[in-house]
């Protein structure tokens, strides 16, 4: 469990630790400002702080714990994620705005199983592709990998949660590619995307689509043709978020701003404490603040990929690549949606959005990556 003889303290990534601390501090401050108009702001902030402290403890514990030890529990982790997703379809599932994405567990509060599913998937497939690296391109290996990835993806989609399904799928595809799979399989999967895409396009034209829900399609159509859908209110969230970001200009209006010209203070923003929290960053911290936040996330993703390049084995490499992709995708989609560059969908911003599920999962992944860094190959060995 603890293989201290294999650790090299000089490989400890101080830059990663500082980036995480900076993001936690900034995230907590921005969330505090976003919740200023909420009746239970103190309770929400207390839970967020508890999540950060618990996550920090988990990060430290996993940093000093050999990641190979946790890979031994791959099936247990996979089964645990499936069990959490299955509980959504019981009375423990909480339905909000037509979707059942949260569990209300006694003593634990509200959790989002799909966040744990993404983390569990990274750990499971780090083991899977390491275990089967000698027969990676066999049909049975690829088929089982796709099957094991598809089961949680379908369960997440049925919540319904299209954005998380897409994020989950993209993380898996990156891990699948980095595992060293043959380009023949990659080309084959790319070709299957053509008929699947054609079917989804045909299905979306029907009165009652089989796969994608009407509200999902309307969000997509409103992005490409906002003028036609402006009266429906589908573009309001993004329009107001863009207004908030642009109003911050270079230096922002300052945290906890309650001026009459503030988009946030005027209650014009929706989901400003979760999916659209980057609008608060833009309005109150301005261009320089948003640049700092994006820069910190970029550093974190870069360090994950650099650690992956120097990992001692394939499992370590896939853990680091999966984590870097996880963070990068979440940040890209959240900021893209908030700034109007992507269709409206719900994805949290790590360390900033309210909710302990995302926080704990981020700390779990980063703790494992830090342990990979401690056991990485030396630079001269990695070069050969």
Protein backbone atom coordinates (compact mmCIF):
# COMPACT_ATOMS: atom_id res chain seq x y z
CA UNK A 1 0.00 0.00 0.00
CA UNK A 2 2.81 2.39 0.92
CA UNK A 3 5.90 1.95 -1.28
CA UNK A 4 8.02 4.77 0.02
CA UNK A 5 11.19 3.17 -1.32
CA UNK A 6 9.87 3.77 -4.84
CA UNK A 7 9.05 7.43 -4.20
CA UNK A 8 11.38 10.26 -5.15
CA UNK A 9 10.49 13.46 -3.32
CA UNK A 10 12.26 15.54 -5.94
CA UNK A 11 9.50 14.47 -8.34
CA UNK A 12 6.77 15.92 -6.12
CA UNK A 13 5.00 18.54 -8.23
CA UNK A 14 5.01 21.71 -6.15
CA UNK A 15 3.56 23.59 -9.12
CA UNK A 16 0.54 21.26 -9.18
CA UNK A 17 0.00 21.66 -5.44
CA UNK A 18 0.17 25.46 -5.68
CA UNK A 19 -2.23 25.49 -8.65
CA UNK A 20 -4.73 23.35 -6.72
CA UNK A 21 -4.49 25.58 -3.64
CA UNK A 22 -4.90 28.73 -5.73
CA UNK A 23 -7.94 27.30 -7.53
CA UNK A 24 -9.52 26.24 -4.22
CA UNK A 25 -9.05 29.71 -2.71
CA UNK A 26 -10.31 31.51 -5.82
CA UNK A 27 -13.17 29.04 -6.21
CA UNK A 28 -14.33 29.50 -2.63
CA UNK A 29 -14.18 33.30 -2.90
CA UNK A 30 -16.10 33.39 -6.19
CA UNK A 31 -18.69 30.92 -4.89
CA UNK A 32 -19.12 33.04 -1.75
CA UNK A 33 -19.87 36.01 -3.98
CA UNK A 34 -22.20 34.00 -6.21
CA UNK A 35 -24.22 32.86 -3.17
CA UNK A 36 -24.55 36.33 -1.65
CA UNK A 37 -28.25 36.52 -2.61
CA UNK A 38 -29.07 33.00 -1.42
CA UNK A 39 -31.01 32.43 1.80
CA UNK A 40 -28.89 29.43 2.82
CA UNK A 41 -25.56 30.82 1.63
CA UNK A 42 -23.77 30.08 4.92
CA UNK A 43 -24.94 26.46 4.90
CA UNK A 44 -23.89 25.98 1.28
CA UNK A 45 -20.50 27.54 1.91
CA UNK A 46 -19.98 25.40 5.00
CA UNK A 47 -20.65 22.26 2.95
CA UNK A 48 -18.29 23.48 0.23
CA UNK A 49 -15.54 24.16 2.75
CA UNK A 50 -16.11 20.74 4.30
CA UNK A 51 -15.79 19.19 0.85
CA UNK A 52 -12.52 21.05 0.24
CA UNK A 53 -11.04 19.98 3.57
CA UNK A 54 -12.14 16.37 3.11
CA UNK A 55 -10.88 16.43 -0.47
CA UNK A 56 -7.56 17.83 0.68
CA UNK A 57 -7.18 15.00 3.19
CA UNK A 58 -8.01 12.46 0.48
CA UNK A 59 -5.47 14.11 -1.84
CA UNK A 60 -2.70 13.81 0.77
CA UNK A 61 -3.61 10.20 1.57
CA UNK A 62 -3.66 9.13 -2.09
CA UNK A 63 -0.42 11.01 -2.78
CA UNK A 64 1.46 8.77 -0.35
CA UNK A 65 -0.45 5.61 -1.30
CA UNK A 66 0.85 3.49 -4.16
CA UNK A 67 -1.62 3.86 -7.03
CA UNK A 68 -1.10 0.18 -7.93
CA UNK A 69 -2.76 -0.71 -4.63
CA UNK A 70 -5.99 1.02 -5.66
CA UNK A 71 -5.94 -0.58 -9.11
CA UNK A 72 -6.40 -3.94 -7.37
CA UNK A 73 -9.94 -2.85 -6.45
CA UNK A 74 -10.91 -2.19 -10.09
CA UNK A 75 -14.00 -4.41 -10.08
CA UNK A 76 -15.14 -3.13 -6.71
CA UNK A 77 -14.76 0.47 -7.93
CA UNK A 78 -16.62 -0.33 -11.15
CA UNK A 79 -19.44 -2.08 -9.26
CA UNK A 80 -19.65 0.80 -6.76
CA UNK A 81 -20.11 3.32 -9.60
CA UNK A 82 -22.83 1.17 -11.20
CA UNK A 83 -24.57 0.79 -7.84
CA UNK A 84 -24.62 4.57 -7.30
CA UNK A 85 -26.02 5.11 -10.80
CA UNK A 86 -28.63 2.38 -10.23
CA UNK A 87 -29.79 4.07 -7.01
CA UNK A 88 -30.87 7.07 -9.10
CA UNK A 89 -33.75 4.97 -10.38
CA UNK A 90 -35.00 4.28 -6.85
CA UNK A 91 -36.75 6.54 -4.36
CA UNK A 92 -33.35 7.87 -3.31
CA UNK A 93 -33.01 9.67 -6.66
CA UNK A 94 -33.81 13.39 -6.58
CA UNK A 95 -35.68 14.75 -9.60
CA UNK A 96 -34.97 18.37 -10.40
CA UNK A 97 -36.08 20.13 -13.58
CA UNK A 98 -37.07 16.87 -15.22
CA UNK A 99 -33.79 15.02 -14.58
CA UNK A 100 -32.81 12.59 -11.83
CA UNK A 101 -29.08 13.22 -11.41
CA UNK A 102 -28.64 13.39 -7.63
CA UNK A 103 -28.90 11.01 -4.71
CA UNK A 104 -30.19 12.15 -1.35
CA UNK A 105 -28.35 9.83 1.02
CA UNK A 106 -29.04 9.97 4.79
CA UNK A 107 -26.05 11.43 6.59
CA UNK A 108 -24.15 12.17 3.37
CA UNK A 109 -26.37 14.78 1.77
CA UNK A 110 -26.79 15.14 -1.97
CA UNK A 111 -24.33 13.37 -4.28
CA UNK A 112 -24.02 13.21 -8.07
CA UNK A 113 -23.16 9.61 -9.09
CA UNK A 114 -22.10 10.54 -12.63
CA UNK A 115 -19.09 12.43 -11.22
CA UNK A 116 -17.98 9.29 -9.39
CA UNK A 117 -18.61 7.26 -12.55
CA UNK A 118 -16.12 9.40 -14.50
CA UNK A 119 -13.51 8.99 -11.78
CA UNK A 120 -14.15 5.26 -11.44
CA UNK A 121 -13.94 4.83 -15.21
CA UNK A 122 -10.47 6.42 -15.29
CA UNK A 123 -9.22 4.06 -12.56
CA UNK A 124 -10.88 0.98 -14.05
CA UNK A 125 -9.55 1.46 -17.57
CA UNK A 126 -6.08 2.35 -16.30
CA UNK A 127 -6.07 -1.19 -14.86
CA UNK A 128 -7.85 -2.77 -17.84
CA UNK A 129 -5.49 -1.55 -20.56
CA UNK A 130 -2.44 -2.25 -18.39
CA UNK A 131 -3.67 -5.80 -17.75
CA UNK A 132 -4.43 -6.50 -21.41
CA UNK A 133 -1.58 -4.58 -23.03
CA UNK A 134 -0.16 -7.76 -24.63
CA UNK A 135 -3.47 -8.50 -26.38
CA UNK A 136 -4.68 -4.94 -26.72
CA UNK A 137 -5.80 -5.20 -30.35
CA UNK A 138 -7.70 -8.44 -30.06
CA UNK A 139 -11.39 -8.25 -30.84
CA UNK A 140 -12.32 -9.60 -27.41
CA UNK A 141 -10.28 -6.90 -25.61
CA UNK A 142 -11.78 -4.05 -27.64
CA UNK A 143 -15.29 -5.48 -27.36
CA UNK A 144 -15.11 -5.83 -23.58
CA UNK A 145 -13.60 -2.34 -23.23
CA UNK A 146 -16.46 -0.83 -25.23
CA UNK A 147 -19.03 -2.86 -23.28
CA UNK A 148 -17.64 -1.86 -19.87
CA UNK A 149 -17.59 1.79 -20.97
CA UNK A 150 -21.07 1.67 -22.50
CA UNK A 151 -22.98 0.41 -19.44
CA UNK A 152 -22.34 3.49 -17.22
CA UNK A 153 -22.70 5.78 -20.25
CA UNK A 154 -26.19 4.46 -20.98
CA UNK A 155 -27.20 4.77 -17.32
CA UNK A 156 -26.01 8.38 -17.23
CA UNK A 157 -27.85 9.16 -20.47
CA UNK A 158 -31.09 7.72 -19.05
CA UNK A 159 -31.04 10.16 -16.09
CA UNK A 160 -31.18 12.04 -18.59
CA UNK A 161 -27.82 13.84 -18.70
CA UNK A 162 -26.51 14.31 -22.23
CA UNK A 163 -23.63 16.66 -21.34
CA UNK A 164 -22.15 14.29 -18.76
CA UNK A 165 -22.63 11.35 -21.14
CA UNK A 166 -20.63 13.18 -23.80
CA UNK A 167 -17.93 14.19 -21.31
CA UNK A 168 -17.68 10.64 -19.99
CA UNK A 169 -17.46 9.25 -23.54
CA UNK A 170 -14.78 11.71 -24.62
CA UNK A 171 -12.62 10.90 -21.57
CA UNK A 172 -12.92 7.20 -22.38
CA UNK A 173 -12.01 7.75 -26.04
CA UNK A 174 -8.88 9.67 -25.07
CA UNK A 175 -7.84 6.87 -22.68
CA UNK A 176 -8.68 4.33 -25.39
CA UNK A 177 -6.42 6.16 -27.86
CA UNK A 178 -3.51 6.70 -25.44
CA UNK A 179 -3.60 3.03 -24.42
CA UNK A 180 -1.85 2.26 -27.71
CA UNK A 181 -4.77 0.77 -29.59
CA UNK A 182 -4.22 0.12 -33.28
CA UNK A 183 -5.23 2.84 -35.73
CA UNK A 184 -7.32 0.22 -37.52
CA UNK A 185 -9.64 0.09 -34.52
CA UNK A 186 -9.67 3.87 -34.27
CA UNK A 187 -10.55 4.17 -37.96
CA UNK A 188 -13.26 1.54 -37.52
CA UNK A 189 -14.83 3.41 -34.62
CA UNK A 190 -14.64 6.67 -36.60
CA UNK A 191 -16.45 5.03 -39.50
CA UNK A 192 -19.23 3.77 -37.22
CA UNK A 193 -19.80 7.38 -36.16
CA UNK A 194 -21.08 8.14 -39.67
CA UNK A 195 -24.17 5.86 -39.64
CA UNK A 196 -24.79 6.64 -35.96
CA UNK A 197 -24.72 10.36 -36.72
CA UNK A 198 -27.00 9.87 -39.72
CA UNK A 199 -29.47 7.94 -37.57
CA UNK A 200 -29.47 10.62 -34.86
CA UNK A 201 -30.04 13.30 -37.49
CA UNK A 202 -32.95 11.33 -38.96
CA UNK A 203 -34.34 10.63 -35.51
CA UNK A 204 -34.16 14.32 -34.52
CA UNK A 205 -36.44 15.19 -37.45
CA UNK A 206 -39.22 12.93 -36.15
CA UNK A 207 -42.12 14.21 -34.09
CA UNK A 208 -41.17 11.98 -31.16
CA UNK A 209 -37.41 11.24 -31.28
CA UNK A 210 -36.29 7.89 -29.88
CA UNK A 211 -32.87 8.94 -28.56
CA UNK A 212 -32.48 12.67 -28.01
CA UNK A 213 -35.19 14.48 -26.07
CA UNK A 214 -36.93 17.49 -27.59
CA UNK A 215 -35.41 19.91 -25.08
CA UNK A 216 -31.92 18.64 -25.96
CA UNK A 217 -32.55 19.26 -29.65
CA UNK A 218 -34.10 22.67 -28.98
CA UNK A 219 -30.97 23.75 -27.09
CA UNK A 220 -28.85 22.67 -30.04
CA UNK A 221 -31.09 24.36 -32.62
CA UNK A 222 -31.26 27.56 -30.56
CA UNK A 223 -27.46 27.74 -30.60
CA UNK A 224 -27.25 27.60 -34.39
CA UNK A 225 -30.33 29.76 -34.97
CA UNK A 226 -30.69 32.03 -31.89
CA UNK A 227 -32.98 34.57 -33.58
CA UNK A 228 -35.68 31.99 -34.23
CA UNK A 229 -35.59 30.72 -30.64
CA UNK A 230 -35.07 34.03 -28.83
CA UNK A 231 -38.77 34.32 -27.93
CA UNK A 232 -38.72 30.87 -26.29
CA UNK A 233 -36.19 31.98 -23.68
CA UNK A 234 -33.76 29.18 -24.50
CA UNK A 235 -30.91 31.62 -25.08
CA UNK A 236 -31.56 33.80 -22.01
CA UNK A 237 -29.05 32.09 -19.71
CA UNK A 238 -26.18 32.38 -22.15
CA UNK A 239 -27.11 35.91 -23.24
CA UNK A 240 -27.05 37.13 -19.64
CA UNK A 241 -23.84 35.24 -18.89
CA UNK A 242 -22.12 36.85 -21.87
CA UNK A 243 -23.45 40.23 -20.71
CA UNK A 244 -22.01 39.64 -17.24
CA UNK A 245 -18.59 38.62 -18.56
CA UNK A 246 -18.36 41.56 -20.96
CA UNK A 247 -19.48 44.02 -18.28
CA UNK A 248 -16.47 43.09 -16.16
CA UNK A 249 -14.09 44.60 -18.74
CA UNK A 250 -10.40 44.50 -17.78
CA UNK A 251 -10.40 44.76 -14.00
CA UNK A 252 -13.89 43.59 -13.04
CA UNK A 253 -16.40 45.09 -10.63
CA UNK A 254 -14.90 43.43 -7.56
CA UNK A 255 -15.99 40.39 -5.57
CA UNK A 256 -19.22 40.65 -3.55
CA UNK A 257 -20.32 43.49 -5.81
CA UNK A 258 -23.90 44.63 -5.11
CA UNK A 259 -24.05 47.69 -7.36
CA UNK A 260 -27.27 48.29 -9.26
CA UNK A 261 -25.50 47.74 -12.59
CA UNK A 262 -24.30 44.27 -11.59
CA UNK A 263 -25.85 41.44 -13.59
CA UNK A 264 -25.33 39.02 -10.69
CA UNK A 265 -26.64 41.35 -7.98
CA UNK A 266 -29.73 42.07 -10.08
CA UNK A 267 -30.58 38.33 -10.13
CA UNK A 268 -30.36 38.21 -13.93
CA UNK A 269 -28.04 35.20 -13.92
CA UNK A 270 -29.27 31.62 -13.67
CA UNK A 271 -27.27 28.83 -12.00
CA UNK A 272 -24.59 31.39 -11.09
CA UNK A 273 -23.39 29.11 -8.29
CA UNK A 274 -22.88 26.08 -10.52
CA UNK A 275 -23.05 25.79 -14.31
CA UNK A 276 -22.72 29.53 -14.98
CA UNK A 277 -20.32 30.48 -12.21
CA UNK A 278 -17.70 31.58 -14.75
CA UNK A 279 -19.99 34.53 -15.53
CA UNK A 280 -19.39 35.70 -11.94
CA UNK A 281 -15.64 35.32 -12.50
CA UNK A 282 -15.86 37.48 -15.62
CA UNK A 283 -18.07 40.18 -14.12
CA UNK A 284 -16.29 40.55 -10.79
CA UNK A 285 -12.67 39.69 -11.63
CA UNK A 286 -12.63 41.02 -15.19
CA UNK A 287 -10.42 39.97 -18.09
CA UNK A 288 -7.32 39.62 -15.93
CA UNK A 289 -9.16 37.46 -13.42
CA UNK A 290 -10.57 35.14 -16.08
CA UNK A 291 -7.13 34.91 -17.64
CA UNK A 292 -5.65 33.91 -14.28
CA UNK A 293 -8.31 31.24 -13.72
CA UNK A 294 -7.90 29.79 -17.21
CA UNK A 295 -4.12 29.92 -16.80
CA UNK A 296 -4.25 27.95 -13.54
CA UNK A 297 -6.41 25.27 -15.13
CA UNK A 298 -4.08 25.16 -18.15
CA UNK A 299 -1.11 24.63 -15.82
CA UNK A 300 -2.95 21.82 -14.03
CA UNK A 301 -3.82 20.04 -17.29
CA UNK A 302 -0.30 20.51 -18.66
CA UNK A 303 1.25 19.04 -15.51
CA UNK A 304 -1.04 16.01 -15.70
CA UNK A 305 0.05 15.34 -19.28
CA UNK A 306 3.73 15.90 -18.42
CA UNK A 307 3.47 13.43 -15.54
CA UNK A 308 1.77 10.99 -17.94
CA UNK A 309 4.72 11.24 -20.34
CA UNK A 310 7.11 10.25 -17.55
CA UNK A 311 4.93 7.66 -15.81
CA UNK A 312 6.54 4.38 -14.76
CA UNK A 313 3.97 2.24 -16.58
CA UNK A 314 0.87 2.35 -18.75
CA UNK A 315 -1.53 2.41 -15.81
CA UNK A 316 0.13 5.51 -14.39
CA UNK A 317 0.13 7.14 -17.79
CA UNK A 318 -3.57 6.48 -18.30
CA UNK A 319 -4.46 7.75 -14.82
CA UNK A 320 -2.66 11.03 -15.52
CA UNK A 321 -4.00 11.40 -19.07
CA UNK A 322 -7.54 10.58 -17.93
CA UNK A 323 -7.34 13.15 -15.15
CA UNK A 324 -5.90 15.84 -17.42
CA UNK A 325 -8.63 15.16 -19.98
CA UNK A 326 -11.29 15.14 -17.25
CA UNK A 327 -10.25 18.58 -15.98
CA UNK A 328 -9.62 20.03 -19.44
CA UNK A 329 -12.98 18.95 -20.84
CA UNK A 330 -14.94 20.17 -17.82
CA UNK A 331 -13.25 23.58 -17.99
CA UNK A 332 -13.52 23.88 -21.79
CA UNK A 333 -17.21 22.97 -21.89
CA UNK A 334 -18.20 25.09 -18.88
CA UNK A 335 -16.41 28.21 -20.11
CA UNK A 336 -17.49 27.54 -23.70
CA UNK A 337 -21.14 27.39 -22.68
CA UNK A 338 -20.92 30.41 -20.39
CA UNK A 339 -19.23 32.53 -23.07
CA UNK A 340 -21.65 31.41 -25.80
CA UNK A 341 -19.10 29.40 -27.79
CA UNK A 342 -20.91 26.09 -27.21
CA UNK A 343 -24.60 25.07 -27.00
CA UNK A 344 -26.19 25.47 -23.57
CA UNK A 345 -25.58 22.43 -21.38
CA UNK A 346 -24.87 21.78 -17.74
CA UNK A 347 -21.25 21.05 -16.78
CA UNK A 348 -19.67 22.19 -13.53
CA UNK A 349 -16.45 24.21 -13.29
CA UNK A 350 -13.99 22.24 -11.08
CA UNK A 351 -13.20 23.85 -7.68
CA UNK A 352 -15.63 26.71 -8.40
CA UNK A 353 -19.12 25.25 -8.87
CA UNK A 354 -21.14 24.36 -5.78
CA UNK A 355 -21.27 20.67 -4.92
CA UNK A 356 -18.97 18.27 -3.08
CA UNK A 357 -19.24 15.38 -5.59
CA UNK A 358 -17.12 17.17 -8.18
CA UNK A 359 -14.70 18.40 -5.51
CA UNK A 360 -14.07 14.96 -4.03
CA UNK A 361 -13.64 13.35 -7.44
CA UNK A 362 -11.13 15.99 -8.51
CA UNK A 363 -9.06 15.44 -5.38
CA UNK A 364 -9.17 11.66 -5.82
CA UNK A 365 -7.89 11.90 -9.40
CA UNK A 366 -5.22 14.49 -8.61
CA UNK A 367 -4.02 12.55 -5.56
CA UNK A 368 -3.49 9.47 -7.74
CA UNK A 369 -1.69 11.57 -10.36
CA UNK A 370 0.62 13.04 -7.73
CA UNK A 371 1.51 9.50 -6.64
CA UNK A 372 2.23 8.63 -10.27
CA UNK A 373 4.58 11.62 -10.33
CA UNK A 374 6.42 10.39 -7.22
CA UNK A 375 7.10 7.05 -8.94
CA UNK A 376 7.80 8.40 -12.42
CA UNK A 377 10.76 7.41 -14.54
CA UNK A 378 13.87 9.54 -14.58
CA UNK A 379 14.14 11.98 -17.48
CA UNK A 380 17.04 10.16 -19.10
CA UNK A 381 15.22 6.81 -18.87
CA UNK A 382 12.01 8.28 -20.29
CA UNK A 383 13.91 9.62 -23.28
CA UNK A 384 14.81 6.12 -24.50
